[in-house]
Amino acid sequence: MIWTAVQGAFTLINFLVGFALGYVVLLMLRPLVGEAGYDARLWYQIALVGFFVKELVKSSIRVAWEVITPGHHMHAGILAVPLDLKSDLGITLLANLISLTPGTLSLDISDDKDHLFIHAMYIDNSPEEDVQHIKNTFERRIMLALGKPGHVSSIADRAQPQSL
C-alpha cells in the first residue's frame, strides 16, 4: 500500500509490484529478524484460492448441467462435519467457502463449535466419505493457510500423559 501511495497510482499492477517488492524486502531482512511463517502461509493461501476456484468451476458446471438436462440426478442431504478448526476465523472461512460453492450451503454450527451442518445437492458416496472429502480438502487447506499445519489431535491422544 505504501508503494502505491508513493507512486500515486492505485492500480492492480502497481499494487502487485509493491507486494512483490515488499516480499523481497522481507526475504532480505530474514537474517536480521529470524524465521517467520509468512512464506509458507502465503503459498498455502494461494493454493487455497486456486483450489477454491477449481471447485467453484467444477460445481458450477455440475449444477448448470443439472438445470439444463431433463430428469433429476441429484441426491441431496444434510451432512454434519466434525470440525478440527477451532478459531472463529477458520470456521467462518470454511462455512463461507462451502456456501459460495454451488450445490452446497452451510446451514448452522453446533453450539459447542464441534460440527458444521451442510446441505449438499450431491451426496455421491456415503455421507461419511463426503464428510471426509470436505475435511481433507477444504478444512485441511484452511488450517494450513491460517498457519496451523496438521489436524488437532484426537481426544484420546490428548488424554495420554505427556513425557517431558
N, C-alpha and C. Protein backbone atom coordinates (compact mmCIF):
# COMPACT_ATOMS: atom_id res chain seq x y z
N MET A 1 0.82 -1.19 0.00
CA MET A 1 0.00 0.00 0.00
C MET A 1 0.87 1.26 0.00
N ILE A 2 1.99 1.19 0.72
CA ILE A 2 2.89 2.34 0.75
C ILE A 2 3.45 2.59 -0.66
N TRP A 3 3.78 1.52 -1.37
CA TRP A 3 4.31 1.65 -2.73
C TRP A 3 3.29 2.36 -3.63
N THR A 4 2.03 1.95 -3.57
CA THR A 4 1.02 2.57 -4.43
C THR A 4 0.80 4.03 -4.02
N ALA A 5 0.89 4.33 -2.73
CA ALA A 5 0.73 5.72 -2.30
C ALA A 5 1.89 6.58 -2.78
N VAL A 6 3.11 6.05 -2.70
CA VAL A 6 4.28 6.80 -3.15
C VAL A 6 4.21 7.01 -4.66
N GLN A 7 3.77 5.99 -5.40
CA GLN A 7 3.67 6.09 -6.85
C GLN A 7 2.50 6.98 -7.28
N GLY A 8 1.51 7.09 -6.42
CA GLY A 8 0.35 7.92 -6.75
C GLY A 8 -0.61 7.28 -7.74
N ALA A 9 -0.46 6.00 -8.00
CA ALA A 9 -1.34 5.29 -8.94
C ALA A 9 -1.85 4.02 -8.26
N PHE A 10 -3.13 4.02 -7.93
CA PHE A 10 -3.73 2.87 -7.26
C PHE A 10 -4.32 1.92 -8.29
N THR A 11 -3.41 1.19 -8.95
CA THR A 11 -3.84 0.21 -9.95
C THR A 11 -3.45 -1.18 -9.46
N LEU A 12 -4.05 -2.18 -10.03
CA LEU A 12 -3.74 -3.56 -9.64
C LEU A 12 -2.29 -3.90 -9.94
N ILE A 13 -1.81 -3.51 -11.08
CA ILE A 13 -0.41 -3.79 -11.45
C ILE A 13 0.54 -3.11 -10.48
N ASN A 14 0.29 -1.87 -10.15
CA ASN A 14 1.14 -1.14 -9.22
C ASN A 14 1.10 -1.79 -7.83
N PHE A 15 -0.07 -2.24 -7.41
CA PHE A 15 -0.20 -2.93 -6.13
C PHE A 15 0.61 -4.23 -6.13
N LEU A 16 0.52 -5.00 -7.21
CA LEU A 16 1.26 -6.27 -7.29
C LEU A 16 2.76 -6.04 -7.29
N VAL A 17 3.22 -4.98 -7.97
CA VAL A 17 4.64 -4.65 -7.95
C VAL A 17 5.07 -4.30 -6.53
N GLY A 18 4.28 -3.50 -5.83
CA GLY A 18 4.58 -3.15 -4.44
C GLY A 18 4.57 -4.37 -3.54
N PHE A 19 3.63 -5.28 -3.76
CA PHE A 19 3.57 -6.51 -2.98
C PHE A 19 4.83 -7.34 -3.19
N ALA A 20 5.24 -7.48 -4.44
CA ALA A 20 6.45 -8.25 -4.76
C ALA A 20 7.68 -7.60 -4.14
N LEU A 21 7.79 -6.28 -4.24
CA LEU A 21 8.93 -5.59 -3.64
C LEU A 21 8.95 -5.76 -2.12
N GLY A 22 7.79 -5.66 -1.49
CA GLY A 22 7.69 -5.87 -0.05
C GLY A 22 8.10 -7.28 0.34
N TYR A 23 7.71 -8.24 -0.46
CA TYR A 23 8.08 -9.63 -0.20
C TYR A 23 9.59 -9.83 -0.28
N VAL A 24 10.21 -9.22 -1.29
CA VAL A 24 11.66 -9.31 -1.44
C VAL A 24 12.37 -8.65 -0.25
N VAL A 25 11.85 -7.53 0.21
CA VAL A 25 12.44 -6.86 1.38
C VAL A 25 12.35 -7.76 2.60
N LEU A 26 11.20 -8.41 2.79
CA LEU A 26 11.04 -9.34 3.92
C LEU A 26 12.04 -10.50 3.83
N LEU A 27 12.25 -11.02 2.62
CA LEU A 27 13.23 -12.09 2.45
C LEU A 27 14.64 -11.62 2.79
N MET A 28 14.96 -10.39 2.41
CA MET A 28 16.30 -9.87 2.68
C MET A 28 16.50 -9.59 4.17
N LEU A 29 15.43 -9.26 4.88
CA LEU A 29 15.54 -8.97 6.31
C LEU A 29 15.51 -10.22 7.18
N ARG A 30 15.27 -11.37 6.58
CA ARG A 30 15.15 -12.62 7.35
C ARG A 30 16.37 -12.88 8.25
N PRO A 31 17.61 -12.68 7.79
CA PRO A 31 18.74 -12.94 8.69
C PRO A 31 18.73 -12.03 9.92
N LEU A 32 18.15 -10.86 9.81
CA LEU A 32 18.13 -9.92 10.94
C LEU A 32 17.00 -10.20 11.92
N VAL A 33 15.84 -10.60 11.41
CA VAL A 33 14.67 -10.75 12.28
C VAL A 33 14.31 -12.20 12.56
N GLY A 34 14.93 -13.14 11.87
CA GLY A 34 14.66 -14.56 12.10
C GLY A 34 13.58 -15.08 11.17
N GLU A 35 13.27 -16.37 11.37
CA GLU A 35 12.29 -17.05 10.53
C GLU A 35 10.88 -16.57 10.86
N ALA A 36 10.04 -16.58 9.85
CA ALA A 36 8.63 -16.25 10.03
C ALA A 36 7.82 -17.25 9.23
N GLY A 37 6.60 -17.48 9.64
CA GLY A 37 5.73 -18.42 8.94
C GLY A 37 5.05 -17.79 7.75
N TYR A 38 5.38 -16.55 7.45
CA TYR A 38 4.71 -15.83 6.37
C TYR A 38 4.88 -16.52 5.03
N ASP A 39 6.08 -17.00 4.75
CA ASP A 39 6.36 -17.63 3.46
C ASP A 39 5.47 -18.83 3.22
N ALA A 40 5.45 -19.74 4.16
CA ALA A 40 4.67 -20.97 4.00
C ALA A 40 3.19 -20.65 3.91
N ARG A 41 2.71 -19.78 4.78
CA ARG A 41 1.28 -19.43 4.76
C ARG A 41 0.89 -18.77 3.46
N LEU A 42 1.77 -17.93 2.91
CA LEU A 42 1.44 -17.26 1.65
C LEU A 42 1.18 -18.28 0.56
N TRP A 43 2.05 -19.28 0.44
CA TRP A 43 1.85 -20.28 -0.60
C TRP A 43 0.63 -21.14 -0.33
N TYR A 44 0.37 -21.44 0.96
CA TYR A 44 -0.85 -22.20 1.29
C TYR A 44 -2.10 -21.38 1.00
N GLN A 45 -2.02 -20.07 1.21
CA GLN A 45 -3.16 -19.20 0.92
C GLN A 45 -3.42 -19.12 -0.58
N ILE A 46 -2.36 -19.03 -1.36
CA ILE A 46 -2.50 -19.03 -2.82
C ILE A 46 -3.08 -20.36 -3.28
N ALA A 47 -2.59 -21.46 -2.69
CA ALA A 47 -3.11 -22.78 -3.04
C ALA A 47 -4.58 -22.91 -2.66
N LEU A 48 -4.98 -22.34 -1.53
CA LEU A 48 -6.39 -22.38 -1.12
C LEU A 48 -7.26 -21.63 -2.12
N VAL A 49 -6.81 -20.47 -2.56
CA VAL A 49 -7.58 -19.71 -3.56
C VAL A 49 -7.68 -20.48 -4.87
N GLY A 50 -6.57 -21.05 -5.31
CA GLY A 50 -6.59 -21.86 -6.54
C GLY A 50 -7.51 -23.06 -6.42
N PHE A 51 -7.44 -23.75 -5.29
CA PHE A 51 -8.32 -24.90 -5.07
C PHE A 51 -9.78 -24.47 -5.07
N PHE A 52 -10.08 -23.36 -4.40
CA PHE A 52 -11.47 -22.90 -4.35
C PHE A 52 -11.98 -22.54 -5.75
N VAL A 53 -11.16 -21.88 -6.55
CA VAL A 53 -11.58 -21.53 -7.92
C VAL A 53 -11.86 -22.79 -8.72
N LYS A 54 -10.98 -23.81 -8.58
CA LYS A 54 -11.20 -25.08 -9.28
C LYS A 54 -12.52 -25.72 -8.83
N GLU A 55 -12.78 -25.77 -7.54
CA GLU A 55 -14.02 -26.35 -7.01
C GLU A 55 -15.23 -25.54 -7.44
N LEU A 56 -15.08 -24.23 -7.50
CA LEU A 56 -16.16 -23.35 -7.93
C LEU A 56 -16.55 -23.64 -9.37
N VAL A 57 -15.57 -23.78 -10.24
CA VAL A 57 -15.83 -24.07 -11.65
C VAL A 57 -16.47 -25.45 -11.80
N LYS A 58 -15.88 -26.47 -11.13
CA LYS A 58 -16.44 -27.82 -11.22
C LYS A 58 -17.89 -27.89 -10.75
N SER A 59 -18.16 -27.29 -9.60
CA SER A 59 -19.52 -27.37 -9.07
C SER A 59 -20.49 -26.50 -9.87
N SER A 60 -20.03 -25.41 -10.42
CA SER A 60 -20.89 -24.57 -11.26
C SER A 60 -21.32 -25.33 -12.51
N ILE A 61 -20.37 -26.03 -13.12
CA ILE A 61 -20.69 -26.84 -14.31
C ILE A 61 -21.67 -27.94 -13.94
N ARG A 62 -21.45 -28.57 -12.81
CA ARG A 62 -22.33 -29.67 -12.40
C ARG A 62 -23.75 -29.19 -12.12
N VAL A 63 -23.88 -28.08 -11.42
CA VAL A 63 -25.21 -27.55 -11.13
C VAL A 63 -25.88 -27.04 -12.41
N ALA A 64 -25.12 -26.39 -13.27
CA ALA A 64 -25.69 -25.91 -14.55
C ALA A 64 -26.17 -27.10 -15.38
N TRP A 65 -25.41 -28.18 -15.41
CA TRP A 65 -25.81 -29.39 -16.14
C TRP A 65 -27.10 -29.95 -15.56
N GLU A 66 -27.23 -29.92 -14.24
CA GLU A 66 -28.46 -30.40 -13.58
C GLU A 66 -29.66 -29.57 -14.02
N VAL A 67 -29.44 -28.28 -14.18
CA VAL A 67 -30.54 -27.38 -14.55
C VAL A 67 -30.96 -27.58 -16.00
N ILE A 68 -30.00 -27.76 -16.92
CA ILE A 68 -30.36 -27.79 -18.34
C ILE A 68 -30.72 -29.19 -18.85
N THR A 69 -30.44 -30.23 -18.07
CA THR A 69 -30.79 -31.58 -18.54
C THR A 69 -32.10 -32.02 -17.90
N PRO A 70 -32.87 -32.79 -18.64
CA PRO A 70 -34.12 -33.29 -18.07
C PRO A 70 -33.85 -34.35 -17.01
N GLY A 71 -34.77 -34.49 -16.12
CA GLY A 71 -34.64 -35.50 -15.09
C GLY A 71 -34.04 -34.92 -13.81
N HIS A 72 -33.93 -35.81 -12.85
CA HIS A 72 -33.47 -35.42 -11.52
C HIS A 72 -32.30 -36.33 -11.14
N HIS A 73 -31.08 -35.80 -11.18
CA HIS A 73 -29.89 -36.61 -10.96
C HIS A 73 -29.24 -36.38 -9.61
N MET A 74 -29.79 -35.51 -8.80
CA MET A 74 -29.12 -35.20 -7.54
C MET A 74 -29.65 -36.07 -6.40
N HIS A 75 -28.81 -36.24 -5.42
CA HIS A 75 -29.13 -36.96 -4.20
C HIS A 75 -28.76 -36.04 -3.05
N ALA A 76 -29.69 -35.19 -2.61
CA ALA A 76 -29.41 -34.17 -1.62
C ALA A 76 -29.47 -34.75 -0.21
N GLY A 77 -28.81 -34.05 0.70
CA GLY A 77 -28.83 -34.44 2.10
C GLY A 77 -28.11 -33.42 2.95
N ILE A 78 -28.17 -33.65 4.24
CA ILE A 78 -27.51 -32.77 5.20
C ILE A 78 -26.38 -33.55 5.84
N LEU A 79 -25.21 -32.94 5.88
CA LEU A 79 -24.01 -33.55 6.45
C LEU A 79 -23.62 -32.82 7.72
N ALA A 80 -23.21 -33.56 8.73
CA ALA A 80 -22.65 -32.99 9.95
C ALA A 80 -21.15 -33.21 9.90
N VAL A 81 -20.41 -32.14 9.68
CA VAL A 81 -18.95 -32.22 9.53
C VAL A 81 -18.30 -31.89 10.87
N PRO A 82 -17.62 -32.86 11.49
CA PRO A 82 -16.89 -32.56 12.73
C PRO A 82 -15.71 -31.63 12.42
N LEU A 83 -15.52 -30.63 13.25
CA LEU A 83 -14.53 -29.60 12.95
C LEU A 83 -13.25 -29.80 13.76
N ASP A 84 -12.13 -29.73 13.07
CA ASP A 84 -10.83 -29.62 13.71
C ASP A 84 -10.45 -28.15 13.87
N LEU A 85 -11.02 -27.31 13.04
CA LEU A 85 -10.81 -25.87 13.15
C LEU A 85 -11.45 -25.38 14.44
N LYS A 86 -10.76 -24.56 15.18
CA LYS A 86 -11.31 -24.07 16.44
C LYS A 86 -11.48 -22.56 16.46
N SER A 87 -10.74 -21.86 15.59
CA SER A 87 -10.84 -20.39 15.60
C SER A 87 -12.10 -19.95 14.86
N ASP A 88 -12.64 -18.83 15.29
CA ASP A 88 -13.82 -18.27 14.62
C ASP A 88 -13.50 -17.94 13.17
N LEU A 89 -12.30 -17.42 12.92
CA LEU A 89 -11.90 -17.09 11.55
C LEU A 89 -11.88 -18.34 10.67
N GLY A 90 -11.29 -19.42 11.15
CA GLY A 90 -11.22 -20.65 10.38
C GLY A 90 -12.59 -21.23 10.09
N ILE A 91 -13.45 -21.26 11.11
CA ILE A 91 -14.79 -21.81 10.94
C ILE A 91 -15.61 -20.95 9.99
N THR A 92 -15.49 -19.64 10.13
CA THR A 92 -16.21 -18.72 9.24
C THR A 92 -15.73 -18.87 7.80
N LEU A 93 -14.43 -18.99 7.62
CA LEU A 93 -13.88 -19.16 6.27
C LEU A 93 -14.39 -20.46 5.65
N LEU A 94 -14.37 -21.55 6.40
CA LEU A 94 -14.87 -22.82 5.90
C LEU A 94 -16.35 -22.73 5.53
N ALA A 95 -17.15 -22.17 6.42
CA ALA A 95 -18.59 -22.06 6.15
C ALA A 95 -18.86 -21.20 4.92
N ASN A 96 -18.12 -20.12 4.76
CA ASN A 96 -18.34 -19.24 3.61
C ASN A 96 -17.87 -19.87 2.31
N LEU A 97 -16.73 -20.54 2.31
CA LEU A 97 -16.27 -21.19 1.09
C LEU A 97 -17.24 -22.29 0.66
N ILE A 98 -17.79 -23.01 1.62
CA ILE A 98 -18.77 -24.04 1.29
C ILE A 98 -20.04 -23.41 0.74
N SER A 99 -20.49 -22.32 1.35
CA SER A 99 -21.72 -21.67 0.87
C SER A 99 -21.53 -21.02 -0.49
N LEU A 100 -20.32 -20.56 -0.79
CA LEU A 100 -20.07 -19.94 -2.08
C LEU A 100 -19.94 -20.96 -3.21
N THR A 101 -19.73 -22.22 -2.86
CA THR A 101 -19.62 -23.27 -3.86
C THR A 101 -21.01 -23.73 -4.26
N PRO A 102 -21.39 -23.62 -5.52
CA PRO A 102 -22.73 -24.03 -5.94
C PRO A 102 -23.01 -25.49 -5.59
N GLY A 103 -24.21 -25.73 -5.09
CA GLY A 103 -24.61 -27.08 -4.73
C GLY A 103 -24.43 -27.40 -3.26
N THR A 104 -23.78 -26.51 -2.51
CA THR A 104 -23.61 -26.71 -1.07
C THR A 104 -23.98 -25.43 -0.34
N LEU A 105 -24.43 -25.60 0.89
CA LEU A 105 -24.83 -24.46 1.71
C LEU A 105 -24.56 -24.78 3.16
N SER A 106 -23.86 -23.89 3.84
CA SER A 106 -23.65 -24.05 5.28
C SER A 106 -24.93 -23.64 5.99
N LEU A 107 -25.46 -24.54 6.81
CA LEU A 107 -26.73 -24.27 7.48
C LEU A 107 -26.55 -23.71 8.88
N ASP A 108 -25.70 -24.36 9.66
CA ASP A 108 -25.58 -23.97 11.07
C ASP A 108 -24.30 -24.56 11.63
N ILE A 109 -23.91 -24.04 12.77
CA ILE A 109 -22.79 -24.59 13.51
C ILE A 109 -23.31 -24.97 14.89
N SER A 110 -22.82 -26.08 15.41
CA SER A 110 -23.29 -26.53 16.73
C SER A 110 -22.87 -25.50 17.78
N ASP A 111 -23.59 -25.50 18.90
CA ASP A 111 -23.30 -24.54 19.97
C ASP A 111 -21.88 -24.67 20.52
N ASP A 112 -21.36 -25.91 20.52
CA ASP A 112 -20.01 -26.12 21.03
C ASP A 112 -18.94 -25.96 19.94
N LYS A 113 -19.34 -25.57 18.74
CA LYS A 113 -18.45 -25.34 17.60
C LYS A 113 -17.69 -26.60 17.19
N ASP A 114 -18.30 -27.76 17.41
CA ASP A 114 -17.67 -29.02 17.05
C ASP A 114 -18.15 -29.56 15.71
N HIS A 115 -19.29 -29.09 15.22
CA HIS A 115 -19.85 -29.59 13.96
C HIS A 115 -20.40 -28.45 13.13
N LEU A 116 -20.18 -28.57 11.83
CA LEU A 116 -20.78 -27.65 10.85
C LEU A 116 -21.79 -28.46 10.06
N PHE A 117 -23.01 -27.96 9.96
CA PHE A 117 -24.05 -28.66 9.24
C PHE A 117 -24.18 -28.06 7.85
N ILE A 118 -24.10 -28.93 6.85
CA ILE A 118 -24.05 -28.52 5.46
C ILE A 118 -25.15 -29.23 4.68
N HIS A 119 -25.85 -28.47 3.83
CA HIS A 119 -26.77 -29.09 2.88
C HIS A 119 -26.01 -29.25 1.57
N ALA A 120 -26.03 -30.48 1.04
CA ALA A 120 -25.34 -30.76 -0.21
C ALA A 120 -26.34 -31.29 -1.23
N MET A 121 -26.30 -30.75 -2.44
CA MET A 121 -27.17 -31.23 -3.52
C MET A 121 -26.78 -32.63 -3.95
N TYR A 122 -25.50 -32.93 -3.86
CA TYR A 122 -24.99 -34.20 -4.35
C TYR A 122 -24.25 -34.92 -3.24
N ILE A 123 -24.82 -36.00 -2.78
CA ILE A 123 -24.11 -36.90 -1.88
C ILE A 123 -23.83 -38.13 -2.73
N ASP A 124 -22.67 -38.11 -3.36
CA ASP A 124 -22.31 -39.13 -4.34
C ASP A 124 -21.94 -40.45 -3.70
N ASN A 125 -21.23 -40.40 -2.62
CA ASN A 125 -20.75 -41.59 -1.96
C ASN A 125 -21.59 -41.78 -0.69
N SER A 126 -21.02 -42.41 0.28
CA SER A 126 -21.68 -42.45 1.58
C SER A 126 -21.49 -41.08 2.24
N PRO A 127 -22.38 -40.71 3.15
CA PRO A 127 -22.20 -39.42 3.83
C PRO A 127 -20.84 -39.32 4.53
N GLU A 128 -20.35 -40.42 5.07
CA GLU A 128 -19.05 -40.40 5.75
C GLU A 128 -17.93 -40.06 4.77
N GLU A 129 -17.99 -40.59 3.57
CA GLU A 129 -16.96 -40.29 2.57
C GLU A 129 -17.03 -38.83 2.13
N ASP A 130 -18.23 -38.29 2.01
CA ASP A 130 -18.36 -36.88 1.63
C ASP A 130 -17.87 -35.96 2.75
N VAL A 131 -18.13 -36.34 4.01
CA VAL A 131 -17.61 -35.57 5.14
C VAL A 131 -16.08 -35.60 5.12
N GLN A 132 -15.50 -36.76 4.90
CA GLN A 132 -14.04 -36.87 4.85
C GLN A 132 -13.46 -36.07 3.69
N HIS A 133 -14.18 -36.03 2.58
CA HIS A 133 -13.73 -35.22 1.44
C HIS A 133 -13.65 -33.75 1.83
N ILE A 134 -14.66 -33.24 2.52
CA ILE A 134 -14.66 -31.83 2.95
C ILE A 134 -13.51 -31.59 3.91
N LYS A 135 -13.31 -32.50 4.86
CA LYS A 135 -12.25 -32.33 5.84
C LYS A 135 -10.87 -32.40 5.20
N ASN A 136 -10.69 -33.31 4.24
CA ASN A 136 -9.38 -33.50 3.62
C ASN A 136 -9.06 -32.46 2.56
N THR A 137 -10.05 -31.73 2.10
CA THR A 137 -9.80 -30.71 1.08
C THR A 137 -9.94 -29.31 1.68
N PHE A 138 -11.15 -28.88 1.91
CA PHE A 138 -11.37 -27.51 2.39
C PHE A 138 -10.75 -27.27 3.76
N GLU A 139 -11.10 -28.09 4.74
CA GLU A 139 -10.66 -27.82 6.11
C GLU A 139 -9.14 -27.91 6.24
N ARG A 140 -8.54 -28.93 5.64
CA ARG A 140 -7.08 -29.08 5.73
C ARG A 140 -6.37 -27.89 5.10
N ARG A 141 -6.85 -27.44 3.96
CA ARG A 141 -6.21 -26.30 3.29
C ARG A 141 -6.38 -25.01 4.10
N ILE A 142 -7.52 -24.85 4.73
CA ILE A 142 -7.74 -23.66 5.56
C ILE A 142 -6.81 -23.69 6.76
N MET A 143 -6.65 -24.85 7.38
CA MET A 143 -5.74 -24.95 8.53
C MET A 143 -4.32 -24.59 8.13
N LEU A 144 -3.88 -25.05 6.97
CA LEU A 144 -2.53 -24.72 6.51
C LEU A 144 -2.41 -23.24 6.17
N ALA A 145 -3.44 -22.67 5.54
CA ALA A 145 -3.40 -21.25 5.16
C ALA A 145 -3.41 -20.33 6.38
N LEU A 146 -4.01 -20.79 7.46
CA LEU A 146 -4.05 -19.97 8.67
C LEU A 146 -2.86 -20.22 9.58
N GLY A 147 -1.97 -21.15 9.15
CA GLY A 147 -0.75 -21.38 9.91
C GLY A 147 -0.87 -22.45 10.96
N LYS A 148 -1.80 -23.37 10.78
CA LYS A 148 -1.96 -24.47 11.72
C LYS A 148 -1.82 -25.79 10.99
N PRO A 149 -0.59 -26.19 10.65
CA PRO A 149 -0.42 -27.45 9.92
C PRO A 149 -0.82 -28.64 10.78
N GLY A 150 -1.40 -29.61 10.13
CA GLY A 150 -1.82 -30.82 10.83
C GLY A 150 -3.15 -30.62 11.50
N HIS A 151 -3.79 -31.70 11.81
CA HIS A 151 -5.08 -31.63 12.47
C HIS A 151 -4.89 -31.64 13.98
N VAL A 152 -5.91 -31.19 14.70
CA VAL A 152 -5.91 -31.25 16.14
C VAL A 152 -5.91 -32.71 16.54
N SER A 153 -5.12 -33.03 17.52
CA SER A 153 -5.06 -34.44 17.93
C SER A 153 -6.41 -34.86 18.50
N SER A 154 -6.65 -36.15 18.47
CA SER A 154 -7.91 -36.67 18.97
C SER A 154 -7.97 -36.54 20.48
N ILE A 155 -9.15 -36.70 21.05
CA ILE A 155 -9.33 -36.61 22.49
C ILE A 155 -8.52 -37.70 23.17
N ALA A 156 -8.48 -38.89 22.58
CA ALA A 156 -7.70 -39.98 23.17
C ALA A 156 -6.22 -39.63 23.22
N ASP A 157 -5.71 -38.98 22.18
CA ASP A 157 -4.31 -38.58 22.17
C ASP A 157 -4.03 -37.53 23.24
N ARG A 158 -4.96 -36.58 23.41
CA ARG A 158 -4.76 -35.53 24.39
C ARG A 158 -4.88 -36.06 25.81
N ALA A 159 -5.59 -37.18 26.01
CA ALA A 159 -5.78 -37.73 27.34
C ALA A 159 -4.55 -38.49 27.82
N GLN A 160 -3.64 -38.83 26.91
CA GLN A 160 -2.45 -39.58 27.29
C GLN A 160 -1.48 -38.65 28.03
N PRO A 161 -0.84 -39.16 29.07
CA PRO A 161 0.14 -38.32 29.78
C PRO A 161 1.32 -37.99 28.87
N GLN A 162 1.80 -36.80 28.99
CA GLN A 162 2.91 -36.33 28.17
C GLN A 162 4.22 -36.48 28.96
N SER A 163 5.25 -36.99 28.33
CA SER A 163 6.55 -37.09 28.98
C SER A 163 7.34 -35.83 28.66
N LEU A 164 8.17 -35.46 29.61
CA LEU A 164 8.99 -34.25 29.43
C LEU A 164 10.35 -34.57 28.95
